[in-house]
Amino acid sequence: KSCLISGVLNAAESTPTARISGNPHIFTLLHEHKEGIAPLATSNDTVIPIEISLDYKGSKQLFNIIHMSGEPVLEIASSMTLDMNTKVGSLLSNDNPKILFFVIDPENRLYQLWQKAPCRQKDILERLIDVLENDEAIMKNIVGIHLIVTKCDMLKQDCTTNEMLESQGYKSIIYQLNELCKNHKINRKHNYTPKIIPFS
């Protein structure tokens, strides 16, 4: 996720009309990107809003990117609840329009200890999507949901297809996200389905 964020920030910084502000951590990410250094893992409680302004079609667009570690997501999936008093809960439940990007490892590895048992990324995502589905306070302000597939260079197939994700065990995630989008009228221009965006 940090590599992805650093790439996005570098692209924004290269745009003459863009302005980036926020936590000093973003400048570390920019420096590491320019030097070809892989970012260090984020701490367990990382939730960093990054403010970007961009001139687009003659008007200034303001938006925030939230750089967040995986641990808050794991906690939500484990408890099946979202505490609105936490920083994550506050950001997700405010009235600003939001686009959610789920960053996934295409190989769906056993990589995380959850409740003292190994689990796959899809198990965590399934529970997280269930939490979102049942929380109208959050879903009413979601205008887009998309998947970013990392490490695409490790797979010798097209990373932008449902078939690829299904072959890696994500079939249930695709179904859940499609239903979530349909039920809440999200991604109308994409036939209520998430985009699959490759990143390496």
C-alpha atoms as a PDB file:
ATOM      1  CA  LYS A   1       0.000   0.000   0.000  1.00  0.00           C
ATOM      2  CA  SER A   2       2.834   2.387   0.834  1.00  0.00           C
ATOM      3  CA  CYS A   3       4.446   1.783  -2.574  1.00  0.00           C
ATOM      4  CA  LEU A   4       1.109   2.530  -4.220  1.00  0.00           C
ATOM      5  CA  ILE A   5       0.626   5.742  -2.222  1.00  0.00           C
ATOM      6  CA  SER A   6       4.175   6.904  -2.979  1.00  0.00           C
ATOM      7  CA  GLY A   7       3.546   6.339  -6.705  1.00  0.00           C
ATOM      8  CA  VAL A   8       0.301   8.326  -6.592  1.00  0.00           C
ATOM      9  CA  LEU A   9       1.992  11.155  -4.698  1.00  0.00           C
ATOM     10  CA  ASN A  10       4.864  11.256  -7.151  1.00  0.00           C
ATOM     11  CA  ALA A  11       2.409  11.520 -10.065  1.00  0.00           C
ATOM     12  CA  ALA A  12       0.562  14.323  -8.267  1.00  0.00           C
ATOM     13  CA  GLU A  13       3.783  16.197  -7.517  1.00  0.00           C
ATOM     14  CA  SER A  14       4.729  15.970 -11.187  1.00  0.00           C
ATOM     15  CA  THR A  15       1.483  17.746 -12.128  1.00  0.00           C
ATOM     16  CA  PRO A  16       2.100  21.534 -12.217  1.00  0.00           C
ATOM     17  CA  THR A  17      -1.329  22.452 -10.853  1.00  0.00           C
ATOM     18  CA  ALA A  18      -1.281  19.932  -7.972  1.00  0.00           C
ATOM     19  CA  ARG A  19      -0.501  20.832  -4.371  1.00  0.00           C
ATOM     20  CA  ILE A  20       0.155  18.259  -1.653  1.00  0.00           C
ATOM     21  CA  SER A  21      -0.017  18.920   2.087  1.00  0.00           C
ATOM     22  CA  GLY A  22      -0.522  17.087   5.348  1.00  0.00           C
ATOM     23  CA  ASN A  23       1.581  14.824   7.543  1.00  0.00           C
ATOM     24  CA  PRO A  24       5.393  15.062   7.039  1.00  0.00           C
ATOM     25  CA  HIS A  25       5.336  11.298   6.360  1.00  0.00           C
ATOM     26  CA  ILE A  26       4.238  12.043   2.795  1.00  0.00           C
ATOM     27  CA  PHE A  27       7.523  13.775   2.038  1.00  0.00           C
ATOM     28  CA  THR A  28       9.393  10.700   3.249  1.00  0.00           C
ATOM     29  CA  LEU A  29       7.358   8.629   0.789  1.00  0.00           C
ATOM     30  CA  LEU A  30       8.140  11.076  -2.029  1.00  0.00           C
ATOM     31  CA  HIS A  31      11.860  11.035  -1.233  1.00  0.00           C
ATOM     32  CA  GLU A  32      11.974   7.230  -1.083  1.00  0.00           C
ATOM     33  CA  HIS A  33      10.149   6.998  -4.408  1.00  0.00           C
ATOM     34  CA  LYS A  34      12.622   9.320  -6.113  1.00  0.00           C
ATOM     35  CA  GLU A  35      15.565   7.386  -4.654  1.00  0.00           C
ATOM     36  CA  GLY A  36      14.115   4.001  -5.603  1.00  0.00           C
ATOM     37  CA  ILE A  37      13.820   2.920  -1.959  1.00  0.00           C
ATOM     38  CA  ALA A  38      10.987   0.623  -0.896  1.00  0.00           C
ATOM     39  CA  PRO A  39       8.964   2.254   1.906  1.00  0.00           C
ATOM     40  CA  LEU A  40       9.169   0.761   5.370  1.00  0.00           C
ATOM     41  CA  ALA A  41       6.098  -0.970   6.757  1.00  0.00           C
ATOM     42  CA  THR A  42       3.647   1.410   8.407  1.00  0.00           C
ATOM     43  CA  SER A  43       3.083   1.209  12.146  1.00  0.00           C
ATOM     44  CA  ASN A  44      -0.002  -0.650  13.356  1.00  0.00           C
ATOM     45  CA  ASP A  45      -2.010   2.489  14.078  1.00  0.00           C
ATOM     46  CA  THR A  46      -1.174   4.480  10.937  1.00  0.00           C
ATOM     47  CA  VAL A  47      -4.080   6.591   9.651  1.00  0.00           C
ATOM     48  CA  ILE A  48      -2.701   9.577   7.709  1.00  0.00           C
ATOM     49  CA  PRO A  49      -4.905  11.984   5.697  1.00  0.00           C
ATOM     50  CA  ILE A  50      -3.029  13.415   2.695  1.00  0.00           C
ATOM     51  CA  GLU A  51      -4.536  16.594   1.247  1.00  0.00           C
ATOM     52  CA  ILE A  52      -4.301  17.203  -2.505  1.00  0.00           C
ATOM     53  CA  SER A  53      -5.641  20.093  -4.571  1.00  0.00           C
ATOM     54  CA  LEU A  54      -5.698  19.825  -8.345  1.00  0.00           C
ATOM     55  CA  ASP A  55      -6.896  22.118 -11.110  1.00  0.00           C
ATOM     56  CA  TYR A  56      -9.189  20.097 -13.361  1.00  0.00           C
ATOM     57  CA  LYS A  57     -11.142  21.504 -16.297  1.00  0.00           C
ATOM     58  CA  GLY A  58     -10.751  25.042 -15.000  1.00  0.00           C
ATOM     59  CA  SER A  59     -11.792  24.443 -11.398  1.00  0.00           C
ATOM     60  CA  LYS A  60      -9.897  23.479  -8.253  1.00  0.00           C
ATOM     61  CA  GLN A  61     -10.654  19.999  -6.949  1.00  0.00           C
ATOM     62  CA  LEU A  62      -9.863  19.206  -3.313  1.00  0.00           C
ATOM     63  CA  PHE A  63      -9.598  15.661  -2.026  1.00  0.00           C
ATOM     64  CA  ASN A  64      -7.910  13.562   0.634  1.00  0.00           C
ATOM     65  CA  ILE A  65      -6.134  10.242   0.324  1.00  0.00           C
ATOM     66  CA  ILE A  66      -6.165   8.249   3.570  1.00  0.00           C
ATOM     67  CA  HIS A  67      -2.956   6.253   4.028  1.00  0.00           C
ATOM     68  CA  MET A  68      -3.913   3.495   6.456  1.00  0.00           C
ATOM     69  CA  SER A  69      -2.163   0.401   7.760  1.00  0.00           C
ATOM     70  CA  GLY A  70      -3.888  -2.979   7.547  1.00  0.00           C
ATOM     71  CA  GLU A  71      -4.307  -3.424  11.298  1.00  0.00           C
ATOM     72  CA  PRO A  72      -7.406  -1.183  11.685  1.00  0.00           C
ATOM     73  CA  VAL A  73      -9.075  -3.200   8.918  1.00  0.00           C
ATOM     74  CA  LEU A  74      -8.131  -6.431  10.671  1.00  0.00           C
ATOM     75  CA  GLU A  75      -9.624  -5.115  13.908  1.00  0.00           C
ATOM     76  CA  ILE A  76     -12.906  -4.187  12.190  1.00  0.00           C
ATOM     77  CA  ALA A  77     -13.107  -7.591  10.508  1.00  0.00           C
ATOM     78  CA  SER A  78     -12.307  -9.387  13.760  1.00  0.00           C
ATOM     79  CA  SER A  79     -14.919  -7.568  15.867  1.00  0.00           C
ATOM     80  CA  MET A  80     -17.451  -7.214  13.010  1.00  0.00           C
ATOM     81  CA  THR A  81     -18.097  -3.659  14.208  1.00  0.00           C
ATOM     82  CA  LEU A  82     -16.788  -0.200  13.384  1.00  0.00           C
ATOM     83  CA  ASP A  83     -16.254   2.082  16.359  1.00  0.00           C
ATOM     84  CA  MET A  84     -17.255   5.587  15.229  1.00  0.00           C
ATOM     85  CA  ASN A  85     -15.137   7.078  18.015  1.00  0.00           C
ATOM     86  CA  THR A  86     -11.921   5.892  16.389  1.00  0.00           C
ATOM     87  CA  LYS A  87     -10.084   7.879  13.723  1.00  0.00           C
ATOM     88  CA  VAL A  88     -11.055   5.343  11.039  1.00  0.00           C
ATOM     89  CA  GLY A  89     -14.699   5.377  12.142  1.00  0.00           C
ATOM     90  CA  SER A  90     -14.788   9.170  12.151  1.00  0.00           C
ATOM     91  CA  LEU A  91     -13.279   9.414   8.662  1.00  0.00           C
ATOM     92  CA  LEU A  92     -15.589   6.801   7.164  1.00  0.00           C
ATOM     93  CA  SER A  93     -18.760   8.172   8.724  1.00  0.00           C
ATOM     94  CA  ASN A  94     -18.326  11.884   7.926  1.00  0.00           C
ATOM     95  CA  ASP A  95     -20.456  13.451   5.172  1.00  0.00           C
ATOM     96  CA  ASN A  96     -17.734  13.768   2.527  1.00  0.00           C
ATOM     97  CA  PRO A  97     -18.196  11.681  -0.651  1.00  0.00           C
ATOM     98  CA  LYS A  98     -15.771   8.759  -0.666  1.00  0.00           C
ATOM     99  CA  ILE A  99     -14.210   6.226  -3.009  1.00  0.00           C
ATOM    100  CA  LEU A 100     -13.019   3.000  -1.370  1.00  0.00           C
ATOM    101  CA  PHE A 101     -10.030   1.188  -2.824  1.00  0.00           C
ATOM    102  CA  PHE A 102      -9.394  -2.356  -1.630  1.00  0.00           C
ATOM    103  CA  VAL A 103      -5.714  -3.190  -2.148  1.00  0.00           C
ATOM    104  CA  ILE A 104      -5.268  -6.939  -2.517  1.00  0.00           C
ATOM    105  CA  ASP A 105      -2.453  -9.398  -3.009  1.00  0.00           C
ATOM    106  CA  PRO A 106      -3.389 -11.478  -6.064  1.00  0.00           C
ATOM    107  CA  GLU A 107      -1.932 -14.675  -4.616  1.00  0.00           C
ATOM    108  CA  ASN A 108      -4.289 -14.545  -1.602  1.00  0.00           C
ATOM    109  CA  ARG A 109      -1.596 -15.917   0.684  1.00  0.00           C
ATOM    110  CA  LEU A 110      -1.824 -17.111   4.253  1.00  0.00           C
ATOM    111  CA  TYR A 111      -0.035 -14.157   5.729  1.00  0.00           C
ATOM    112  CA  GLN A 112      -1.890 -12.860   8.746  1.00  0.00           C
ATOM    113  CA  LEU A 113      -2.509 -14.241  12.211  1.00  0.00           C
ATOM    114  CA  TRP A 114      -6.079 -13.486  13.178  1.00  0.00           C
ATOM    115  CA  GLN A 115      -7.477 -14.760  16.469  1.00  0.00           C
ATOM    116  CA  LYS A 116      -4.353 -16.976  16.700  1.00  0.00           C
ATOM    117  CA  ALA A 117      -5.134 -18.704  13.396  1.00  0.00           C
ATOM    118  CA  PRO A 118      -3.682 -18.148   9.921  1.00  0.00           C
ATOM    119  CA  CYS A 119      -6.157 -16.685   7.448  1.00  0.00           C
ATOM    120  CA  ARG A 120      -6.250 -15.506   3.878  1.00  0.00           C
ATOM    121  CA  GLN A 121      -6.802 -11.949   2.782  1.00  0.00           C
ATOM    122  CA  LYS A 122     -10.177 -12.865   1.303  1.00  0.00           C
ATOM    123  CA  ASP A 123     -11.430 -14.019   4.728  1.00  0.00           C
ATOM    124  CA  ILE A 124     -10.707 -10.565   6.160  1.00  0.00           C
ATOM    125  CA  LEU A 125     -12.259  -8.789   3.177  1.00  0.00           C
ATOM    126  CA  GLU A 126     -15.428 -10.881   3.339  1.00  0.00           C
ATOM    127  CA  ARG A 127     -16.027  -9.826   6.926  1.00  0.00           C
ATOM    128  CA  LEU A 128     -15.136  -6.193   6.225  1.00  0.00           C
ATOM    129  CA  ILE A 129     -17.637  -6.051   3.347  1.00  0.00           C
ATOM    130  CA  ASP A 130     -20.308  -7.534   5.651  1.00  0.00           C
ATOM    131  CA  VAL A 131     -19.658  -4.701   8.128  1.00  0.00           C
ATOM    132  CA  LEU A 132     -19.966  -2.084   5.377  1.00  0.00           C
ATOM    133  CA  GLU A 133     -23.139  -3.629   3.964  1.00  0.00           C
ATOM    134  CA  ASN A 134     -24.879  -3.236   7.298  1.00  0.00           C
ATOM    135  CA  ASP A 135     -23.738   0.322   8.018  1.00  0.00           C
ATOM    136  CA  GLU A 136     -25.914   2.844   6.192  1.00  0.00           C
ATOM    137  CA  ALA A 137     -24.157   5.776   7.894  1.00  0.00           C
ATOM    138  CA  ILE A 138     -21.037   4.893   5.914  1.00  0.00           C
ATOM    139  CA  MET A 139     -22.537   3.530   2.715  1.00  0.00           C
ATOM    140  CA  LYS A 140     -24.725   6.585   2.025  1.00  0.00           C
ATOM    141  CA  ASN A 141     -21.594   8.611   1.212  1.00  0.00           C
ATOM    142  CA  ILE A 142     -19.708   5.992  -0.811  1.00  0.00           C
ATOM    143  CA  VAL A 143     -19.652   6.981  -4.501  1.00  0.00           C
ATOM    144  CA  GLY A 144     -17.143   4.415  -5.770  1.00  0.00           C
ATOM    145  CA  ILE A 145     -15.596   1.058  -4.835  1.00  0.00           C
ATOM    146  CA  HIS A 146     -12.635  -0.410  -6.734  1.00  0.00           C
ATOM    147  CA  LEU A 147      -9.990  -3.126  -6.412  1.00  0.00           C
ATOM    148  CA  ILE A 148      -6.271  -2.455  -6.770  1.00  0.00           C
ATOM    149  CA  VAL A 149      -4.323  -5.646  -7.454  1.00  0.00           C
ATOM    150  CA  THR A 150      -0.679  -5.378  -6.372  1.00  0.00           C
ATOM    151  CA  LYS A 151       2.312  -7.490  -7.442  1.00  0.00           C
ATOM    152  CA  CYS A 152       0.754  -8.129 -10.851  1.00  0.00           C
ATOM    153  CA  ASP A 153       4.197  -8.797 -12.303  1.00  0.00           C
ATOM    154  CA  MET A 154       4.311 -12.009 -10.243  1.00  0.00           C
ATOM    155  CA  LEU A 155       1.382 -13.518 -12.161  1.00  0.00           C
ATOM    156  CA  LYS A 156       1.682 -14.582 -15.779  1.00  0.00           C
ATOM    157  CA  GLN A 157      -1.858 -13.574 -16.676  1.00  0.00           C
ATOM    158  CA  ASP A 158      -4.010 -10.503 -17.106  1.00  0.00           C
ATOM    159  CA  CYS A 159      -4.498  -8.891 -13.674  1.00  0.00           C
ATOM    160  CA  THR A 160      -7.556  -6.877 -14.698  1.00  0.00           C
ATOM    161  CA  THR A 161     -10.096  -9.693 -15.086  1.00  0.00           C
ATOM    162  CA  ASN A 162     -12.571 -11.345 -12.735  1.00  0.00           C
ATOM    163  CA  GLU A 163     -11.284 -14.689 -14.002  1.00  0.00           C
ATOM    164  CA  MET A 164      -7.813 -13.972 -12.639  1.00  0.00           C
ATOM    165  CA  LEU A 165      -9.177 -13.061  -9.219  1.00  0.00           C
ATOM    166  CA  GLU A 166     -11.484 -16.066  -9.205  1.00  0.00           C
ATOM    167  CA  SER A 167      -8.542 -18.348 -10.002  1.00  0.00           C
ATOM    168  CA  GLN A 168      -6.796 -16.992  -6.890  1.00  0.00           C
ATOM    169  CA  GLY A 169      -9.775 -17.654  -4.628  1.00  0.00           C
ATOM    170  CA  TYR A 170     -11.474 -14.238  -4.713  1.00  0.00           C
ATOM    171  CA  LYS A 171     -14.734 -15.333  -6.364  1.00  0.00           C
ATOM    172  CA  SER A 172     -16.773 -14.636  -3.230  1.00  0.00           C
ATOM    173  CA  ILE A 173     -15.214 -11.145  -2.913  1.00  0.00           C
ATOM    174  CA  ILE A 174     -16.202 -10.248  -6.487  1.00  0.00           C
ATOM    175  CA  TYR A 175     -19.769 -11.404  -5.816  1.00  0.00           C
ATOM    176  CA  GLN A 176     -19.979  -9.517  -2.514  1.00  0.00           C
ATOM    177  CA  LEU A 177     -18.667  -6.279  -4.011  1.00  0.00           C
ATOM    178  CA  ASN A 178     -20.989  -6.516  -7.010  1.00  0.00           C
ATOM    179  CA  GLU A 179     -23.964  -6.970  -4.667  1.00  0.00           C
ATOM    180  CA  LEU A 180     -22.766  -4.129  -2.429  1.00  0.00           C
ATOM    181  CA  CYS A 181     -22.538  -1.799  -5.425  1.00  0.00           C
ATOM    182  CA  LYS A 182     -25.962  -2.814  -6.746  1.00  0.00           C
ATOM    183  CA  ASN A 183     -27.677  -2.516  -3.372  1.00  0.00           C
ATOM    184  CA  HIS A 184     -26.289   0.967  -2.755  1.00  0.00           C
ATOM    185  CA  LYS A 185     -26.316   2.227  -6.376  1.00  0.00           C
ATOM    186  CA  ILE A 186     -22.517   2.587  -6.507  1.00  0.00           C
ATOM    187  CA  ASN A 187     -20.412   2.614  -9.709  1.00  0.00           C
ATOM    188  CA  ARG A 188     -23.413   3.290 -11.949  1.00  0.00           C
ATOM    189  CA  LYS A 189     -21.179   4.175 -14.915  1.00  0.00           C
ATOM    190  CA  HIS A 190     -19.495   0.781 -14.608  1.00  0.00           C
ATOM    191  CA  ASN A 191     -22.691  -1.268 -14.463  1.00  0.00           C
ATOM    192  CA  TYR A 192     -22.499  -1.387 -10.651  1.00  0.00           C
ATOM    193  CA  THR A 193     -19.235  -3.325 -10.652  1.00  0.00           C
ATOM    194  CA  PRO A 194     -15.811  -2.366  -9.239  1.00  0.00           C
ATOM    195  CA  LYS A 195     -12.939  -1.560 -11.552  1.00  0.00           C
ATOM    196  CA  ILE A 196      -9.913  -3.850 -11.266  1.00  0.00           C
ATOM    197  CA  ILE A 197      -6.764  -1.722 -11.343  1.00  0.00           C
ATOM    198  CA  PRO A 198      -3.346  -3.423 -11.715  1.00  0.00           C
ATOM    199  CA  PHE A 199      -0.271  -2.132  -9.869  1.00  0.00           C
ATOM    200  CA  SER A 200       3.260  -3.498  -9.795  1.00  0.00           C
END
